[in-house]
Amino acid sequence: MNLIKPPKLHPGDKIATVSLSWGIAGEPDVRWRYDLAVSRIKEYFGLECVAAPNSMRGEKYLRESPEARAEDLMWAFAQPDIKGIIANIGGNDSIRLFPYIDYDIIRNHPKIFIGYSDIMNVHLMCLTAGLSTFYGVNLLPSFGEPQGVHPYTVKHFKNVLFNAREIGIIDPPDCFGCDAHDYKNKDKINTYNPCGKYELLQGQGIIRGRLLGGHTGIKDIEQTSLFAPFEENNGIILFVEDMVEYVSPDNFADFFIWLAKKDIMRNLKGLIIGRFNEYPENCDYKNALLKTIGELGLSSLPILYNLPFGHTSPICVLPYGAMAEIDCDNVTFNILESGVMN
C-alpha cells in the first residue's frame, strides 16, 4: 500500500474548514461554535482557519448542492497557501460528492485531510487518489465544546500532524465523554466518565499491519471502486467504530459477516474497535462481535477493544495506511511510523 504522505503542519499555516456532509456550521445560531473552535485552533496550534467558499452557506443550500461541497474540497486541495483541511462536522451525505471528485487534484496536491464519522467516505475517495489521510477530529465537536478541549485530543492532534517522527504508543485516556452534542446551546457542559485500559478480546503475541477502516456504514456504499484498498491489500489492521443510535449489537455483528462475504476478513492481521458512545458500557456489542468472529473461524484474530477514536471524547488520530502494531501480551497499540513528511 504505497500511499502519499502529506507534508506536516507548522504554526502559522493556513488550514481550510469544509462542510462536506452537513452544513450546520453556517447556521446563524451555530456560528458562535464555529468561531469558538477556530479560535482554539489558533490558540493551541497557531493555525489560521480559512472557511472554504461554500462551507458556511447553511444546511439547506449544502444539502441541495453536493457539487458545491465537492468544489470546496477541490478548492482546498488546489490552493497552494492551504496546508491542511479539516471537516467541520460529519453527517450522512458525503457520498454524494463522489461524482464530482477530481482525483488528479488530490493526487497532485497532497496535504493533510482530517475528519471522522460520515467523513469516512471522503477518506476512501482520497485513498482512491493514493493519499494517506487521517481519521481524527472534526472541528465543531472536538474544538467547539463550551467547557474546553480535552488535553488528550490536543496532544494527539499535535503529535501526529506536526511531527514527521514515529507516532508511537497510543495511550488510553483515563476518562471519556459520550453526551449528545447540542450545537446551539452555549451552556451545555458535557460530562466525562472514568474508563480503564484497552481490553484484549482475543489473540496472542505481536502483530503488525496497515491501518484501514472507519464505521460500519461502509457496507452501504454503492461505489465499489472505493473498496479497492480493503480488497487488494493483505496485512490490514482494521479500525471500526460507530454510534449506538445507528447500529445495534446484531447490526454490528452483521457488519463482520458482510466483510467476510466481501472476502476482506481474510486480509486482516488484527482488529481495533473504538469505544461506543454509551455509559455504562453495553457488553452486548462485545459479545455479539466475539460470537460472530468465532463462527467465521477467526478465533485467533487479535482484537483490541475500547480504543479512543470515533464518536466519543477525547480521541486520537489514525493515519490511513500507516504501519501499526497490536501487542496482545502487553495490551498496547502502537503506530510504527509517521503520518506526515517533513
C-alpha atoms as a PDB file:
ATOM      1  CA  MET A   1       0.000   0.000   0.000  1.00  0.00           C
ATOM      2  CA  ASN A   2       2.087   2.877  -1.323  1.00  0.00           C
ATOM      3  CA  LEU A   3       0.211   5.967  -0.224  1.00  0.00           C
ATOM      4  CA  ILE A   4       1.459   9.546  -0.454  1.00  0.00           C
ATOM      5  CA  LYS A   5       2.128  11.112   2.942  1.00  0.00           C
ATOM      6  CA  PRO A   6       1.263  14.817   3.143  1.00  0.00           C
ATOM      7  CA  PRO A   7       3.686  17.431   4.495  1.00  0.00           C
ATOM      8  CA  LYS A   8       3.453  18.188   8.205  1.00  0.00           C
ATOM      9  CA  LEU A   9       1.855  21.324   9.606  1.00  0.00           C
ATOM     10  CA  HIS A  10       3.716  24.291  11.100  1.00  0.00           C
ATOM     11  CA  PRO A  11       2.465  27.068  13.375  1.00  0.00           C
ATOM     12  CA  GLY A  12       1.309  29.920  11.150  1.00  0.00           C
ATOM     13  CA  ASP A  13      -0.041  27.610   8.427  1.00  0.00           C
ATOM     14  CA  LYS A  14      -3.497  28.107   6.943  1.00  0.00           C
ATOM     15  CA  ILE A  15      -5.968  25.229   7.037  1.00  0.00           C
ATOM     16  CA  ALA A  16      -9.302  25.102   5.227  1.00  0.00           C
ATOM     17  CA  THR A  17     -12.519  24.287   7.071  1.00  0.00           C
ATOM     18  CA  VAL A  18     -15.027  22.405   4.908  1.00  0.00           C
ATOM     19  CA  SER A  19     -18.650  21.263   5.264  1.00  0.00           C
ATOM     20  CA  LEU A  20     -18.693  18.098   3.169  1.00  0.00           C
ATOM     21  CA  SER A  21     -21.688  16.333   4.672  1.00  0.00           C
ATOM     22  CA  TRP A  22     -23.821  18.648   6.841  1.00  0.00           C
ATOM     23  CA  GLY A  23     -23.989  22.445   6.640  1.00  0.00           C
ATOM     24  CA  ILE A  24     -24.899  23.258  10.246  1.00  0.00           C
ATOM     25  CA  ALA A  25     -21.673  25.201  10.858  1.00  0.00           C
ATOM     26  CA  GLY A  26     -23.063  28.042   8.744  1.00  0.00           C
ATOM     27  CA  GLU A  27     -26.380  28.352  10.577  1.00  0.00           C
ATOM     28  CA  PRO A  28     -26.678  31.703  12.425  1.00  0.00           C
ATOM     29  CA  ASP A  29     -27.337  30.099  15.813  1.00  0.00           C
ATOM     30  CA  VAL A  30     -24.361  27.747  15.440  1.00  0.00           C
ATOM     31  CA  ARG A  31     -21.831  30.216  14.047  1.00  0.00           C
ATOM     32  CA  TRP A  32     -20.661  31.040  17.606  1.00  0.00           C
ATOM     33  CA  ARG A  33     -19.486  27.464  17.965  1.00  0.00           C
ATOM     34  CA  TYR A  34     -17.553  27.538  14.695  1.00  0.00           C
ATOM     35  CA  ASP A  35     -15.873  30.791  15.780  1.00  0.00           C
ATOM     36  CA  LEU A  36     -15.010  29.282  19.174  1.00  0.00           C
ATOM     37  CA  ALA A  37     -13.454  26.213  17.554  1.00  0.00           C
ATOM     38  CA  VAL A  38     -11.455  28.362  15.121  1.00  0.00           C
ATOM     39  CA  SER A  39     -10.107  30.472  17.995  1.00  0.00           C
ATOM     40  CA  ARG A  40      -8.962  27.328  19.784  1.00  0.00           C
ATOM     41  CA  ILE A  41      -7.198  26.001  16.694  1.00  0.00           C
ATOM     42  CA  LYS A  42      -5.292  29.291  16.702  1.00  0.00           C
ATOM     43  CA  GLU A  43      -4.633  29.154  20.458  1.00  0.00           C
ATOM     44  CA  TYR A  44      -3.445  25.549  20.689  1.00  0.00           C
ATOM     45  CA  PHE A  45      -1.662  25.089  17.368  1.00  0.00           C
ATOM     46  CA  GLY A  46      -1.019  28.519  15.856  1.00  0.00           C
ATOM     47  CA  LEU A  47      -3.049  27.637  12.763  1.00  0.00           C
ATOM     48  CA  GLU A  48      -5.223  30.051  10.811  1.00  0.00           C
ATOM     49  CA  CYS A  49      -8.569  28.610   9.692  1.00  0.00           C
ATOM     50  CA  VAL A  50      -9.963  29.689   6.320  1.00  0.00           C
ATOM     51  CA  ALA A  51     -13.588  28.810   5.549  1.00  0.00           C
ATOM     52  CA  ALA A  52     -13.981  27.224   2.113  1.00  0.00           C
ATOM     53  CA  PRO A  53     -16.147  29.373  -0.208  1.00  0.00           C
ATOM     54  CA  ASN A  54     -19.414  27.423   0.161  1.00  0.00           C
ATOM     55  CA  SER A  55     -18.870  25.884   3.583  1.00  0.00           C
ATOM     56  CA  MET A  56     -20.816  28.453   5.643  1.00  0.00           C
ATOM     57  CA  ARG A  57     -23.849  28.803   3.371  1.00  0.00           C
ATOM     58  CA  GLY A  58     -26.070  26.776   5.684  1.00  0.00           C
ATOM     59  CA  GLU A  59     -27.840  23.446   5.837  1.00  0.00           C
ATOM     60  CA  LYS A  60     -30.417  23.909   3.054  1.00  0.00           C
ATOM     61  CA  TYR A  61     -28.006  25.163   0.421  1.00  0.00           C
ATOM     62  CA  LEU A  62     -25.391  22.488   1.049  1.00  0.00           C
ATOM     63  CA  ARG A  63     -27.940  19.682   1.317  1.00  0.00           C
ATOM     64  CA  GLU A  64     -29.239  20.644  -2.112  1.00  0.00           C
ATOM     65  CA  SER A  65     -25.785  21.150  -3.646  1.00  0.00           C
ATOM     66  CA  PRO A  66     -23.332  18.277  -3.237  1.00  0.00           C
ATOM     67  CA  GLU A  67     -21.441  19.762  -6.166  1.00  0.00           C
ATOM     68  CA  ALA A  68     -20.742  22.906  -4.124  1.00  0.00           C
ATOM     69  CA  ARG A  69     -19.430  20.777  -1.271  1.00  0.00           C
ATOM     70  CA  ALA A  70     -17.145  18.918  -3.672  1.00  0.00           C
ATOM     71  CA  GLU A  71     -15.990  22.231  -5.173  1.00  0.00           C
ATOM     72  CA  ASP A  72     -14.899  23.301  -1.694  1.00  0.00           C
ATOM     73  CA  LEU A  73     -12.835  20.153  -1.265  1.00  0.00           C
ATOM     74  CA  MET A  74     -11.186  20.559  -4.661  1.00  0.00           C
ATOM     75  CA  TRP A  75     -10.570  24.256  -3.927  1.00  0.00           C
ATOM     76  CA  ALA A  76      -8.927  23.421  -0.612  1.00  0.00           C
ATOM     77  CA  PHE A  77      -6.607  20.849  -2.162  1.00  0.00           C
ATOM     78  CA  ALA A  78      -5.684  23.126  -5.070  1.00  0.00           C
ATOM     79  CA  GLN A  79      -4.887  26.310  -3.077  1.00  0.00           C
ATOM     80  CA  PRO A  80      -1.098  26.495  -2.605  1.00  0.00           C
ATOM     81  CA  ASP A  81      -1.339  28.518   0.624  1.00  0.00           C
ATOM     82  CA  ILE A  82      -3.690  25.982   2.273  1.00  0.00           C
ATOM     83  CA  LYS A  83      -1.616  23.360   4.097  1.00  0.00           C
ATOM     84  CA  GLY A  84      -4.352  21.224   5.632  1.00  0.00           C
ATOM     85  CA  ILE A  85      -8.095  20.570   5.555  1.00  0.00           C
ATOM     86  CA  ILE A  86     -10.424  19.803   8.478  1.00  0.00           C
ATOM     87  CA  ALA A  87     -14.075  18.793   8.284  1.00  0.00           C
ATOM     88  CA  ASN A  88     -16.441  20.996  10.250  1.00  0.00           C
ATOM     89  CA  ILE A  89     -18.662  18.056  11.153  1.00  0.00           C
ATOM     90  CA  GLY A  90     -19.897  14.681   9.922  1.00  0.00           C
ATOM     91  CA  GLY A  91     -23.468  13.939   8.873  1.00  0.00           C
ATOM     92  CA  ASN A  92     -24.886  11.397   6.442  1.00  0.00           C
ATOM     93  CA  ASP A  93     -24.462  12.789   2.938  1.00  0.00           C
ATOM     94  CA  SER A  94     -20.794  12.940   1.915  1.00  0.00           C
ATOM     95  CA  ILE A  95     -21.145  10.015  -0.512  1.00  0.00           C
ATOM     96  CA  ARG A  96     -22.998  12.358  -2.884  1.00  0.00           C
ATOM     97  CA  LEU A  97     -19.667  14.114  -3.538  1.00  0.00           C
ATOM     98  CA  PHE A  98     -18.424  11.051  -5.394  1.00  0.00           C
ATOM     99  CA  PRO A  99     -19.348  12.106  -8.985  1.00  0.00           C
ATOM    100  CA  TYR A 100     -17.656  15.491  -8.596  1.00  0.00           C
ATOM    101  CA  ILE A 101     -14.252  14.432  -7.255  1.00  0.00           C
ATOM    102  CA  ASP A 102     -11.165  15.155  -9.361  1.00  0.00           C
ATOM    103  CA  TYR A 103      -8.651  12.581  -8.177  1.00  0.00           C
ATOM    104  CA  ASP A 104      -5.790  14.253 -10.020  1.00  0.00           C
ATOM    105  CA  ILE A 105      -6.233  17.396  -7.928  1.00  0.00           C
ATOM    106  CA  ILE A 106      -5.946  15.365  -4.727  1.00  0.00           C
ATOM    107  CA  ARG A 107      -3.042  13.298  -6.027  1.00  0.00           C
ATOM    108  CA  ASN A 108      -1.076  16.286  -7.309  1.00  0.00           C
ATOM    109  CA  HIS A 109      -1.608  18.484  -4.233  1.00  0.00           C
ATOM    110  CA  PRO A 110      -1.131  16.181  -1.243  1.00  0.00           C
ATOM    111  CA  LYS A 111      -1.995  17.780   2.077  1.00  0.00           C
ATOM    112  CA  ILE A 112      -3.439  16.815   5.425  1.00  0.00           C
ATOM    113  CA  PHE A 113      -7.137  15.978   5.450  1.00  0.00           C
ATOM    114  CA  ILE A 114      -8.782  15.060   8.761  1.00  0.00           C
ATOM    115  CA  GLY A 115     -12.256  14.159   9.986  1.00  0.00           C
ATOM    116  CA  TYR A 116     -14.373  11.259  11.208  1.00  0.00           C
ATOM    117  CA  SER A 117     -17.869   9.761  11.052  1.00  0.00           C
ATOM    118  CA  ASP A 118     -19.501  10.307   7.626  1.00  0.00           C
ATOM    119  CA  ILE A 119     -16.229  11.910   6.505  1.00  0.00           C
ATOM    120  CA  MET A 120     -15.058   8.295   6.092  1.00  0.00           C
ATOM    121  CA  ASN A 121     -16.433   8.422   2.543  1.00  0.00           C
ATOM    122  CA  VAL A 122     -14.084  11.287   1.692  1.00  0.00           C
ATOM    123  CA  HIS A 123     -11.164   9.367   3.198  1.00  0.00           C
ATOM    124  CA  LEU A 124     -11.978   6.497   0.842  1.00  0.00           C
ATOM    125  CA  MET A 125     -12.019   8.925  -2.089  1.00  0.00           C
ATOM    126  CA  CYS A 126      -8.578  10.182  -1.046  1.00  0.00           C
ATOM    127  CA  LEU A 127      -7.330   6.596  -0.760  1.00  0.00           C
ATOM    128  CA  THR A 128      -8.512   6.073  -4.339  1.00  0.00           C
ATOM    129  CA  ALA A 129      -6.300   9.015  -5.298  1.00  0.00           C
ATOM    130  CA  GLY A 130      -3.373   7.461  -3.411  1.00  0.00           C
ATOM    131  CA  LEU A 131      -3.269   9.913  -0.488  1.00  0.00           C
ATOM    132  CA  SER A 132      -2.996   8.954   3.186  1.00  0.00           C
ATOM    133  CA  THR A 133      -5.460  10.941   5.279  1.00  0.00           C
ATOM    134  CA  PHE A 134      -6.410  10.985   8.976  1.00  0.00           C
ATOM    135  CA  TYR A 135      -9.395   9.534  10.802  1.00  0.00           C
ATOM    136  CA  GLY A 136      -9.489  12.021  13.642  1.00  0.00           C
ATOM    137  CA  VAL A 137     -11.144  15.170  14.883  1.00  0.00           C
ATOM    138  CA  ASN A 138     -13.947  17.186  13.312  1.00  0.00           C
ATOM    139  CA  LEU A 139     -13.840  20.904  14.060  1.00  0.00           C
ATOM    140  CA  LEU A 140     -17.145  21.551  15.860  1.00  0.00           C
ATOM    141  CA  PRO A 141     -17.451  18.526  18.165  1.00  0.00           C
ATOM    142  CA  SER A 142     -13.743  18.335  19.006  1.00  0.00           C
ATOM    143  CA  PHE A 143     -12.801  22.010  19.415  1.00  0.00           C
ATOM    144  CA  GLY A 144     -16.122  23.803  19.905  1.00  0.00           C
ATOM    145  CA  GLU A 145     -17.265  22.373  23.243  1.00  0.00           C
ATOM    146  CA  PRO A 146     -18.114  25.236  25.653  1.00  0.00           C
ATOM    147  CA  GLN A 147     -16.140  23.703  28.546  1.00  0.00           C
ATOM    148  CA  GLY A 148     -12.921  23.416  26.547  1.00  0.00           C
ATOM    149  CA  VAL A 149     -10.858  20.892  24.596  1.00  0.00           C
ATOM    150  CA  HIS A 150      -9.657  17.727  26.269  1.00  0.00           C
ATOM    151  CA  PRO A 151      -5.822  17.764  26.586  1.00  0.00           C
ATOM    152  CA  TYR A 152      -5.629  14.215  25.176  1.00  0.00           C
ATOM    153  CA  THR A 153      -7.206  15.373  21.900  1.00  0.00           C
ATOM    154  CA  VAL A 154      -4.821  18.345  21.694  1.00  0.00           C
ATOM    155  CA  LYS A 155      -1.794  16.127  22.367  1.00  0.00           C
ATOM    156  CA  HIS A 156      -2.583  13.583  19.680  1.00  0.00           C
ATOM    157  CA  PHE A 157      -3.535  16.182  17.059  1.00  0.00           C
ATOM    158  CA  LYS A 158      -0.196  17.905  17.582  1.00  0.00           C
ATOM    159  CA  ASN A 159       1.850  14.709  17.809  1.00  0.00           C
ATOM    160  CA  VAL A 160       0.514  13.234  14.563  1.00  0.00           C
ATOM    161  CA  LEU A 161       0.150  16.289  12.315  1.00  0.00           C
ATOM    162  CA  PHE A 162       3.114  18.463  13.339  1.00  0.00           C
ATOM    163  CA  ASN A 163       5.867  15.818  13.603  1.00  0.00           C
ATOM    164  CA  ALA A 164       7.457  13.600  10.962  1.00  0.00           C
ATOM    165  CA  ARG A 165       8.684  11.109  13.545  1.00  0.00           C
ATOM    166  CA  GLU A 166       7.197   7.758  14.508  1.00  0.00           C
ATOM    167  CA  ILE A 167       3.832   8.346  16.191  1.00  0.00           C
ATOM    168  CA  GLY A 168       4.382   5.640  18.794  1.00  0.00           C
ATOM    169  CA  ILE A 169       2.165   4.231  21.522  1.00  0.00           C
ATOM    170  CA  ILE A 170      -1.454   5.396  21.545  1.00  0.00           C
ATOM    171  CA  ASP A 171      -2.049   5.552  25.268  1.00  0.00           C
ATOM    172  CA  PRO A 172      -5.563   5.092  26.672  1.00  0.00           C
ATOM    173  CA  PRO A 173      -7.164   8.185  28.214  1.00  0.00           C
ATOM    174  CA  ASP A 174      -8.321   7.972  31.825  1.00  0.00           C
ATOM    175  CA  CYS A 175     -11.831   9.241  31.051  1.00  0.00           C
ATOM    176  CA  PHE A 176     -14.269   9.664  28.181  1.00  0.00           C
ATOM    177  CA  GLY A 177     -17.391  11.617  27.311  1.00  0.00           C
ATOM    178  CA  CYS A 178     -20.274  10.444  25.156  1.00  0.00           C
ATOM    179  CA  ASP A 179     -23.004  13.056  25.643  1.00  0.00           C
ATOM    180  CA  ALA A 180     -25.056  14.024  22.609  1.00  0.00           C
ATOM    181  CA  HIS A 181     -23.916  17.316  21.076  1.00  0.00           C
ATOM    182  CA  ASP A 182     -26.175  20.356  21.225  1.00  0.00           C
ATOM    183  CA  TYR A 183     -24.566  22.719  18.751  1.00  0.00           C
ATOM    184  CA  LYS A 184     -26.881  25.631  19.560  1.00  0.00           C
ATOM    185  CA  ASN A 185     -26.615  25.560  23.362  1.00  0.00           C
ATOM    186  CA  LYS A 186     -23.843  27.731  24.780  1.00  0.00           C
ATOM    187  CA  ASP A 187     -24.465  26.428  28.300  1.00  0.00           C
ATOM    188  CA  LYS A 188     -24.236  22.702  27.560  1.00  0.00           C
ATOM    189  CA  ILE A 189     -21.462  21.135  29.643  1.00  0.00           C
ATOM    190  CA  ASN A 190     -20.599  17.567  28.695  1.00  0.00           C
ATOM    191  CA  THR A 191     -19.812  15.006  31.370  1.00  0.00           C
ATOM    192  CA  TYR A 192     -16.759  12.735  31.453  1.00  0.00           C
ATOM    193  CA  ASN A 193     -16.712   9.234  32.915  1.00  0.00           C
ATOM    194  CA  PRO A 194     -13.754   7.195  34.159  1.00  0.00           C
ATOM    195  CA  CYS A 195     -12.511   4.469  31.830  1.00  0.00           C
ATOM    196  CA  GLY A 196      -9.934   1.747  32.083  1.00  0.00           C
ATOM    197  CA  LYS A 197      -7.242   0.498  29.745  1.00  0.00           C
ATOM    198  CA  TYR A 198      -7.899  -1.242  26.463  1.00  0.00           C
ATOM    199  CA  GLU A 199      -9.390  -4.721  26.576  1.00  0.00           C
ATOM    200  CA  LEU A 200      -7.878  -7.625  24.657  1.00  0.00           C
ATOM    201  CA  LEU A 201     -10.781  -9.781  23.489  1.00  0.00           C
ATOM    202  CA  GLN A 202      -8.634 -12.454  21.841  1.00  0.00           C
ATOM    203  CA  GLY A 203      -5.212 -13.020  20.261  1.00  0.00           C
ATOM    204  CA  GLN A 204      -1.622 -13.692  21.223  1.00  0.00           C
ATOM    205  CA  GLY A 205       1.787 -12.217  20.552  1.00  0.00           C
ATOM    206  CA  ILE A 206       2.610  -9.143  18.462  1.00  0.00           C
ATOM    207  CA  ILE A 207       1.069  -8.497  15.044  1.00  0.00           C
ATOM    208  CA  ARG A 208       1.623  -5.699  12.547  1.00  0.00           C
ATOM    209  CA  GLY A 209      -0.450  -4.358   9.704  1.00  0.00           C
ATOM    210  CA  ARG A 210      -1.541  -1.288   7.751  1.00  0.00           C
ATOM    211  CA  LEU A 211      -4.365   0.829   9.175  1.00  0.00           C
ATOM    212  CA  LEU A 212      -7.635   0.949   7.251  1.00  0.00           C
ATOM    213  CA  GLY A 213     -11.173   1.428   8.475  1.00  0.00           C
ATOM    214  CA  GLY A 214     -13.977   3.737   9.523  1.00  0.00           C
ATOM    215  CA  HIS A 215     -17.501   2.975  10.677  1.00  0.00           C
ATOM    216  CA  THR A 216     -19.973   0.226   9.782  1.00  0.00           C
ATOM    217  CA  GLY A 217     -21.764   2.425   7.227  1.00  0.00           C
ATOM    218  CA  ILE A 218     -19.081   1.461   4.728  1.00  0.00           C
ATOM    219  CA  LYS A 219     -21.241  -1.519   3.768  1.00  0.00           C
ATOM    220  CA  ASP A 220     -23.902   0.851   2.399  1.00  0.00           C
ATOM    221  CA  ILE A 221     -21.578   2.460  -0.144  1.00  0.00           C
ATOM    222  CA  GLU A 222     -22.549   1.587  -3.700  1.00  0.00           C
ATOM    223  CA  GLN A 223     -19.367   2.864  -5.382  1.00  0.00           C
ATOM    224  CA  THR A 224     -17.423  -0.398  -5.395  1.00  0.00           C
ATOM    225  CA  SER A 225     -14.192   1.277  -6.503  1.00  0.00           C
ATOM    226  CA  LEU A 226     -13.891   2.776  -3.027  1.00  0.00           C
ATOM    227  CA  PHE A 227     -13.427  -0.738  -1.572  1.00  0.00           C
ATOM    228  CA  ALA A 228     -10.249  -1.458  -3.527  1.00  0.00           C
ATOM    229  CA  PRO A 229      -7.798  -0.722  -0.657  1.00  0.00           C
ATOM    230  CA  PHE A 230      -9.590  -3.272   1.542  1.00  0.00           C
ATOM    231  CA  GLU A 231      -9.902  -5.940  -1.130  1.00  0.00           C
ATOM    232  CA  GLU A 232      -6.454  -5.626  -2.680  1.00  0.00           C
ATOM    233  CA  ASN A 233      -4.232  -5.407   0.404  1.00  0.00           C
ATOM    234  CA  ASN A 234      -3.181  -8.159   2.765  1.00  0.00           C
ATOM    235  CA  GLY A 235      -1.912  -7.374   6.235  1.00  0.00           C
ATOM    236  CA  ILE A 236      -4.596  -4.927   7.387  1.00  0.00           C
ATOM    237  CA  ILE A 237      -5.284  -3.773  10.935  1.00  0.00           C
ATOM    238  CA  LEU A 238      -8.914  -2.770  10.569  1.00  0.00           C
ATOM    239  CA  PHE A 239     -10.258   0.003  12.796  1.00  0.00           C
ATOM    240  CA  VAL A 240     -14.025   0.130  13.320  1.00  0.00           C
ATOM    241  CA  GLU A 241     -16.267   2.459  15.347  1.00  0.00           C
ATOM    242  CA  ASP A 242     -19.901   3.503  15.349  1.00  0.00           C
ATOM    243  CA  MET A 243     -22.746   5.033  17.355  1.00  0.00           C
ATOM    244  CA  VAL A 244     -25.299   3.140  19.426  1.00  0.00           C
ATOM    245  CA  GLU A 245     -28.047   5.256  17.821  1.00  0.00           C
ATOM    246  CA  TYR A 246     -27.319   3.771  14.404  1.00  0.00           C
ATOM    247  CA  VAL A 247     -26.019   0.257  14.963  1.00  0.00           C
ATOM    248  CA  SER A 248     -27.379  -2.422  17.277  1.00  0.00           C
ATOM    249  CA  PRO A 249     -25.235  -5.301  18.568  1.00  0.00           C
ATOM    250  CA  ASP A 250     -26.755  -7.550  15.888  1.00  0.00           C
ATOM    251  CA  ASN A 251     -26.068  -4.934  13.189  1.00  0.00           C
ATOM    252  CA  PHE A 252     -22.505  -4.684  14.450  1.00  0.00           C
ATOM    253  CA  ALA A 253     -22.029  -8.443  14.170  1.00  0.00           C
ATOM    254  CA  ASP A 254     -23.622  -8.458  10.702  1.00  0.00           C
ATOM    255  CA  PHE A 255     -21.028  -5.949   9.534  1.00  0.00           C
ATOM    256  CA  PHE A 256     -18.244  -8.520  10.003  1.00  0.00           C
ATOM    257  CA  ILE A 257     -20.293 -11.173   8.240  1.00  0.00           C
ATOM    258  CA  TRP A 258     -20.606  -8.739   5.336  1.00  0.00           C
ATOM    259  CA  LEU A 259     -16.822  -8.187   5.382  1.00  0.00           C
ATOM    260  CA  ALA A 260     -16.317 -11.953   5.234  1.00  0.00           C
ATOM    261  CA  LYS A 261     -18.646 -12.232   2.229  1.00  0.00           C
ATOM    262  CA  LYS A 262     -16.618  -9.480   0.556  1.00  0.00           C
ATOM    263  CA  ASP A 263     -13.530 -11.648   1.230  1.00  0.00           C
ATOM    264  CA  ILE A 264     -11.986  -8.859   3.315  1.00  0.00           C
ATOM    265  CA  MET A 265     -11.769 -10.607   6.681  1.00  0.00           C
ATOM    266  CA  ARG A 266      -9.062 -12.900   5.327  1.00  0.00           C
ATOM    267  CA  ASN A 267      -6.865  -9.817   4.761  1.00  0.00           C
ATOM    268  CA  LEU A 268      -6.925  -8.846   8.420  1.00  0.00           C
ATOM    269  CA  LYS A 269      -3.971  -9.162  10.766  1.00  0.00           C
ATOM    270  CA  GLY A 270      -5.872  -7.570  13.619  1.00  0.00           C
ATOM    271  CA  LEU A 271      -8.916  -5.571  14.608  1.00  0.00           C
ATOM    272  CA  ILE A 272      -9.239  -2.477  16.821  1.00  0.00           C
ATOM    273  CA  ILE A 273     -12.652  -1.319  17.993  1.00  0.00           C
ATOM    274  CA  GLY A 274     -13.425   2.258  19.016  1.00  0.00           C
ATOM    275  CA  ARG A 275     -15.306   2.911  22.241  1.00  0.00           C
ATOM    276  CA  PHE A 276     -19.067   3.104  21.774  1.00  0.00           C
ATOM    277  CA  ASN A 277     -20.818   6.321  22.805  1.00  0.00           C
ATOM    278  CA  GLU A 278     -22.681   4.854  25.757  1.00  0.00           C
ATOM    279  CA  TYR A 279     -22.163   4.841  29.527  1.00  0.00           C
ATOM    280  CA  PRO A 280     -22.120   2.436  31.219  1.00  0.00           C
ATOM    281  CA  GLU A 281     -20.722   0.106  28.583  1.00  0.00           C
ATOM    282  CA  ASN A 282     -23.150  -2.179  26.764  1.00  0.00           C
ATOM    283  CA  CYS A 283     -21.434  -5.572  26.695  1.00  0.00           C
ATOM    284  CA  ASP A 284     -23.860  -6.864  24.049  1.00  0.00           C
ATOM    285  CA  TYR A 285     -21.658  -5.337  21.330  1.00  0.00           C
ATOM    286  CA  LYS A 286     -18.584  -7.169  22.566  1.00  0.00           C
ATOM    287  CA  ASN A 287     -20.429 -10.459  22.961  1.00  0.00           C
ATOM    288  CA  ALA A 288     -22.026 -10.253  19.508  1.00  0.00           C
ATOM    289  CA  LEU A 289     -18.643  -9.494  17.953  1.00  0.00           C
ATOM    290  CA  LEU A 290     -16.896 -12.426  19.634  1.00  0.00           C
ATOM    291  CA  LYS A 291     -19.699 -14.848  18.743  1.00  0.00           C
ATOM    292  CA  THR A 292     -19.593 -13.844  15.080  1.00  0.00           C
ATOM    293  CA  ILE A 293     -15.797 -13.857  14.854  1.00  0.00           C
ATOM    294  CA  GLY A 294     -15.810 -17.374  16.273  1.00  0.00           C
ATOM    295  CA  GLU A 295     -18.439 -18.524  13.777  1.00  0.00           C
ATOM    296  CA  LEU A 296     -16.249 -17.125  10.987  1.00  0.00           C
ATOM    297  CA  GLY A 297     -13.374 -19.332  12.183  1.00  0.00           C
ATOM    298  CA  LEU A 298     -11.240 -16.390  13.285  1.00  0.00           C
ATOM    299  CA  SER A 299     -10.841 -17.153  16.980  1.00  0.00           C
ATOM    300  CA  SER A 300      -7.113 -16.345  16.839  1.00  0.00           C
ATOM    301  CA  LEU A 301      -7.556 -12.907  15.201  1.00  0.00           C
ATOM    302  CA  PRO A 302      -6.201 -10.293  17.638  1.00  0.00           C
ATOM    303  CA  ILE A 303      -8.943  -7.887  18.734  1.00  0.00           C
ATOM    304  CA  LEU A 304      -8.284  -4.817  20.858  1.00  0.00           C
ATOM    305  CA  TYR A 305     -11.398  -3.147  22.265  1.00  0.00           C
ATOM    306  CA  ASN A 306     -12.402   0.317  23.581  1.00  0.00           C
ATOM    307  CA  LEU A 307      -9.838   2.484  21.786  1.00  0.00           C
ATOM    308  CA  PRO A 308     -10.227   6.296  21.726  1.00  0.00           C
ATOM    309  CA  PHE A 309     -11.354   7.097  18.191  1.00  0.00           C
ATOM    310  CA  GLY A 310     -14.734   7.947  16.719  1.00  0.00           C
ATOM    311  CA  HIS A 311     -17.825   9.306  18.426  1.00  0.00           C
ATOM    312  CA  THR A 312     -16.520   9.850  21.949  1.00  0.00           C
ATOM    313  CA  SER A 313     -14.162  12.374  23.507  1.00  0.00           C
ATOM    314  CA  PRO A 314     -11.202  12.549  23.737  1.00  0.00           C
ATOM    315  CA  ILE A 315      -9.908  10.927  20.554  1.00  0.00           C
ATOM    316  CA  CYS A 316      -6.622  10.097  18.887  1.00  0.00           C
ATOM    317  CA  VAL A 317      -5.685  10.415  15.203  1.00  0.00           C
ATOM    318  CA  LEU A 318      -5.283   7.368  12.921  1.00  0.00           C
ATOM    319  CA  PRO A 319      -3.343   7.766   9.620  1.00  0.00           C
ATOM    320  CA  TYR A 320      -4.701   5.623   6.804  1.00  0.00           C
ATOM    321  CA  GLY A 321      -2.112   3.151   5.532  1.00  0.00           C
ATOM    322  CA  ALA A 322       0.355   3.600   8.399  1.00  0.00           C
ATOM    323  CA  MET A 323       2.060   0.515   9.789  1.00  0.00           C
ATOM    324  CA  ALA A 324       0.731  -0.251  13.258  1.00  0.00           C
ATOM    325  CA  GLU A 325       1.160  -2.909  15.915  1.00  0.00           C
ATOM    326  CA  ILE A 326      -1.079  -4.718  18.383  1.00  0.00           C
ATOM    327  CA  ASP A 327       0.842  -6.187  21.301  1.00  0.00           C
ATOM    328  CA  CYS A 328      -1.518  -8.773  22.764  1.00  0.00           C
ATOM    329  CA  ASP A 329       0.808  -9.626  25.640  1.00  0.00           C
ATOM    330  CA  ASN A 330       1.021  -6.048  26.927  1.00  0.00           C
ATOM    331  CA  VAL A 331      -2.381  -4.926  25.552  1.00  0.00           C
ATOM    332  CA  THR A 332      -0.963  -1.922  23.710  1.00  0.00           C
ATOM    333  CA  PHE A 333      -1.479  -0.262  20.344  1.00  0.00           C
ATOM    334  CA  ASN A 334       1.442   1.372  18.577  1.00  0.00           C
ATOM    335  CA  ILE A 335       1.732   3.297  15.281  1.00  0.00           C
ATOM    336  CA  LEU A 336       5.175   2.471  13.961  1.00  0.00           C
ATOM    337  CA  GLU A 337       5.757   5.318  11.509  1.00  0.00           C
ATOM    338  CA  SER A 338       4.951   8.950  10.947  1.00  0.00           C
ATOM    339  CA  GLY A 339       1.737  10.098   9.318  1.00  0.00           C
ATOM    340  CA  VAL A 340       3.383  13.079   7.597  1.00  0.00           C
ATOM    341  CA  MET A 341       6.568  14.129   5.831  1.00  0.00           C
ATOM    342  CA  ASN A 342       8.968  16.956   6.687  1.00  0.00           C
END
